N, C-alpha and C. Protein backbone atom coordinates (compact mmCIF):
# COMPACT_ATOMS: atom_id res chain seq x y z
N MET A 1 9.79 -23.91 -0.28
CA MET A 1 9.48 -23.04 -0.26
C MET A 1 7.77 -22.74 -0.81
N PRO A 2 7.07 -21.77 -0.21
CA PRO A 2 5.87 -21.44 -0.71
C PRO A 2 6.02 -20.72 -2.06
N GLU A 3 5.01 -20.69 -2.91
CA GLU A 3 5.19 -19.90 -4.02
C GLU A 3 4.94 -18.10 -3.56
N THR A 4 5.46 -17.69 -4.39
CA THR A 4 5.29 -15.85 -4.25
C THR A 4 4.00 -15.74 -4.10
N GLY A 5 3.12 -16.17 -4.81
CA GLY A 5 1.68 -15.69 -4.49
C GLY A 5 1.10 -16.05 -3.51
N THR A 6 1.62 -17.05 -2.71
CA THR A 6 0.95 -17.28 -1.40
C THR A 6 1.77 -16.54 -0.29
N GLU A 7 3.38 -16.53 -0.65
CA GLU A 7 3.93 -15.48 0.43
C GLU A 7 3.21 -14.31 0.19
N LEU A 8 3.09 -13.68 -0.79
CA LEU A 8 2.23 -12.29 -1.03
C LEU A 8 0.91 -12.02 -0.40
N ALA A 9 0.23 -13.17 -0.59
CA ALA A 9 -0.94 -13.28 0.14
C ALA A 9 -0.79 -13.14 1.56
N ASP A 10 -0.28 -14.11 2.10
CA ASP A 10 0.27 -14.22 3.62
C ASP A 10 0.72 -12.87 4.07
N LEU A 11 1.45 -12.01 3.62
CA LEU A 11 2.16 -10.76 4.01
C LEU A 11 0.89 -9.83 4.08
N VAL A 12 0.24 -9.67 2.76
CA VAL A 12 -1.20 -9.00 2.49
C VAL A 12 -1.93 -9.20 3.68
N ALA A 13 -2.18 -10.10 4.13
CA ALA A 13 -3.29 -10.83 5.20
C ALA A 13 -2.54 -10.32 6.62
N THR A 14 -1.46 -10.53 6.84
CA THR A 14 -0.65 -10.03 7.84
C THR A 14 -0.68 -8.33 8.16
N VAL A 15 -0.46 -7.64 7.15
CA VAL A 15 -0.45 -6.44 7.23
C VAL A 15 -1.82 -5.90 7.26
N GLU A 16 -2.90 -6.10 6.59
CA GLU A 16 -4.23 -5.88 6.70
C GLU A 16 -4.63 -6.32 8.23
N GLU A 17 -4.42 -6.98 8.82
CA GLU A 17 -4.95 -7.33 10.00
C GLU A 17 -4.32 -6.39 11.13
N LEU A 18 -2.87 -6.06 10.82
CA LEU A 18 -2.14 -4.86 11.82
C LEU A 18 -3.03 -3.61 11.35
N ARG A 19 -3.43 -3.19 10.09
CA ARG A 19 -3.65 -1.80 9.46
C ARG A 19 -5.13 -1.82 10.41
N ALA A 20 -5.87 -2.86 10.06
CA ALA A 20 -7.23 -2.70 10.60
C ALA A 20 -7.37 -2.33 12.33
N ARG A 21 -6.44 -3.21 12.92
CA ARG A 21 -6.50 -2.72 14.40
C ARG A 21 -5.60 -1.58 14.67
N ASP A 22 -4.70 -1.27 14.00
CA ASP A 22 -3.91 0.09 14.54
C ASP A 22 -4.01 1.26 13.90
N TYR A 23 -4.54 1.36 12.58
CA TYR A 23 -4.72 2.33 11.50
C TYR A 23 -5.90 2.13 10.68
N PRO A 24 -7.30 1.92 11.20
CA PRO A 24 -8.45 1.74 10.61
C PRO A 24 -8.78 2.81 9.63
N ASP A 25 -8.31 4.09 9.62
CA ASP A 25 -8.58 5.03 8.99
C ASP A 25 -7.58 4.89 7.48
N LEU A 26 -6.76 4.29 7.49
CA LEU A 26 -5.98 4.11 6.33
C LEU A 26 -6.56 3.26 5.25
N ASP A 27 -6.64 3.35 4.10
CA ASP A 27 -7.06 2.84 3.05
C ASP A 27 -6.71 1.46 2.65
N PRO A 28 -7.38 0.39 2.92
CA PRO A 28 -6.56 -0.95 2.64
C PRO A 28 -6.13 -1.03 1.30
N ASP A 29 -7.02 -0.69 0.62
CA ASP A 29 -6.15 -0.70 -1.11
C ASP A 29 -4.98 -0.18 -1.08
N LEU A 30 -4.74 1.07 -0.79
CA LEU A 30 -3.63 1.83 -0.72
C LEU A 30 -2.35 0.89 -0.13
N VAL A 31 -2.73 0.43 0.65
CA VAL A 31 -1.81 -0.52 1.69
C VAL A 31 -1.50 -1.77 0.72
N GLY A 32 -2.44 -2.46 0.25
CA GLY A 32 -2.05 -3.61 -0.73
C GLY A 32 -1.60 -3.36 -2.12
N ASP A 33 -1.82 -1.77 -2.66
CA ASP A 33 -0.91 -1.70 -3.66
C ASP A 33 0.28 -1.43 -3.46
N ILE A 34 0.89 -0.72 -2.32
CA ILE A 34 2.15 -0.65 -1.98
C ILE A 34 2.79 -1.98 -1.77
N LEU A 35 2.24 -2.82 -1.21
CA LEU A 35 2.96 -4.05 -1.09
C LEU A 35 3.18 -4.78 -2.45
N VAL A 36 2.23 -4.74 -3.18
CA VAL A 36 2.19 -5.30 -4.55
C VAL A 36 3.18 -4.46 -5.27
N ALA A 37 3.31 -3.61 -5.26
CA ALA A 37 4.58 -2.65 -6.03
C ALA A 37 5.64 -3.10 -5.41
N HIS A 38 5.95 -2.99 -4.14
CA HIS A 38 7.51 -4.01 -3.49
C HIS A 38 7.55 -5.08 -3.68
N GLN A 39 6.55 -5.80 -3.92
CA GLN A 39 6.94 -7.24 -4.47
C GLN A 39 7.42 -7.20 -5.48
N GLN A 40 6.88 -6.46 -6.77
CA GLN A 40 6.86 -6.47 -8.27
C GLN A 40 8.55 -6.07 -8.51
N PHE A 41 8.84 -4.99 -7.81
CA PHE A 41 9.96 -4.41 -7.74
C PHE A 41 11.14 -4.61 -6.77
N ALA A 42 10.81 -5.92 -6.16
CA ALA A 42 12.22 -6.22 -5.06
C ALA A 42 13.43 -6.03 -5.55
N GLU A 43 13.62 -6.34 -6.47
CA GLU A 43 15.12 -6.08 -7.09
C GLU A 43 15.59 -4.71 -7.60
N ASP A 44 14.49 -3.85 -7.78
CA ASP A 44 14.78 -2.38 -8.17
C ASP A 44 14.23 -1.65 -6.97
N ARG A 45 14.79 -1.24 -5.78
CA ARG A 45 14.39 -0.46 -4.74
C ARG A 45 13.90 0.96 -5.22
N ALA A 46 14.81 1.47 -6.16
CA ALA A 46 14.53 2.94 -6.82
C ALA A 46 12.93 2.92 -7.23
N GLU A 47 12.70 1.89 -8.24
CA GLU A 47 11.33 1.98 -9.00
C GLU A 47 10.23 1.49 -7.49
N ALA A 48 10.41 0.67 -6.75
CA ALA A 48 9.44 0.42 -6.01
C ALA A 48 9.31 1.67 -5.21
N ARG A 49 10.43 2.47 -4.84
CA ARG A 49 10.00 3.72 -4.16
C ARG A 49 9.47 4.68 -5.20
N LYS A 50 9.55 4.93 -6.19
CA LYS A 50 8.74 5.78 -7.31
C LYS A 50 7.28 5.20 -7.21
N ARG A 51 7.23 4.10 -7.43
CA ARG A 51 5.79 3.52 -7.66
C ARG A 51 4.87 3.63 -6.14
N THR A 52 5.72 3.69 -5.24
CA THR A 52 5.08 3.97 -4.03
C THR A 52 4.79 5.34 -3.96
N GLU A 53 5.40 6.32 -4.09
CA GLU A 53 5.39 7.69 -3.96
C GLU A 53 3.96 8.03 -5.26
N GLN A 54 3.98 7.66 -6.15
CA GLN A 54 2.82 7.75 -7.42
C GLN A 54 1.82 6.93 -6.92
N LEU A 55 1.66 5.89 -5.93
CA LEU A 55 0.42 5.72 -5.42
C LEU A 55 -0.39 6.60 -4.45
N ILE A 56 0.79 6.75 -3.58
CA ILE A 56 0.12 7.77 -2.49
C ILE A 56 -0.06 9.11 -2.92
N ASN A 57 0.51 9.74 -3.80
CA ASN A 57 0.17 10.73 -4.86
C ASN A 57 -1.38 10.90 -5.23
N ARG A 58 -1.35 9.81 -5.94
CA ARG A 58 -2.64 9.54 -6.48
C ARG A 58 -3.60 9.60 -5.56
N TRP A 59 -3.71 8.76 -4.50
CA TRP A 59 -4.61 8.52 -3.58
C TRP A 59 -5.04 9.56 -2.81
N VAL A 60 -3.50 10.74 -2.52
CA VAL A 60 -4.23 11.77 -1.81
C VAL A 60 -4.64 12.94 -2.54
N SER A 61 -4.59 12.68 -4.07
CA SER A 61 -5.10 13.70 -4.89
C SER A 61 -6.75 13.50 -4.97
N ALA A 62 -7.07 12.12 -4.80
CA ALA A 62 -8.47 11.83 -4.99
C ALA A 62 -9.09 11.70 -3.64
N GLN A 63 -8.60 12.20 -2.57
CA GLN A 63 -9.19 12.39 -1.18
C GLN A 63 -9.85 13.99 -1.13
N PRO A 64 -11.21 13.95 -0.79
CA PRO A 64 -11.64 15.42 -0.38
C PRO A 64 -11.12 16.23 0.24
N ALA A 65 -11.03 17.74 -0.01
CA ALA A 65 -10.36 18.61 1.01
C ALA A 65 -11.11 18.63 2.11
N PRO A 66 -10.52 18.89 3.22
CA PRO A 66 -11.01 18.89 4.77
C PRO A 66 -11.71 20.13 4.61
N GLU A 67 -12.98 19.94 5.40
CA GLU A 67 -13.82 21.08 5.71
C GLU A 67 -13.15 22.20 6.28
N GLY A 68 -13.58 23.14 5.89
CA GLY A 68 -12.93 24.47 6.56
C GLY A 68 -11.67 25.07 6.03
N THR A 69 -11.38 24.33 4.74
CA THR A 69 -10.01 24.91 4.34
C THR A 69 -10.26 26.09 2.84
N ASP A 70 -11.45 26.26 3.03
CA ASP A 70 -11.47 27.13 1.86
C ASP A 70 -10.84 28.30 2.03
């Protein structure tokens, strides 16, 4: 069986290929961070979900406001 790091790297590479092809506007760092969080907390789904929500909220907060929303 491959090492966990190799498995994660393969998963990240596959997801990145799909992201780039189908969702090019989606931040690749956000996607990678979510995958890492789910790998780190694979045994604790509630914690993985909480970490995912935190990552997304931080990412959304860092985005500039759309033009014309003043």
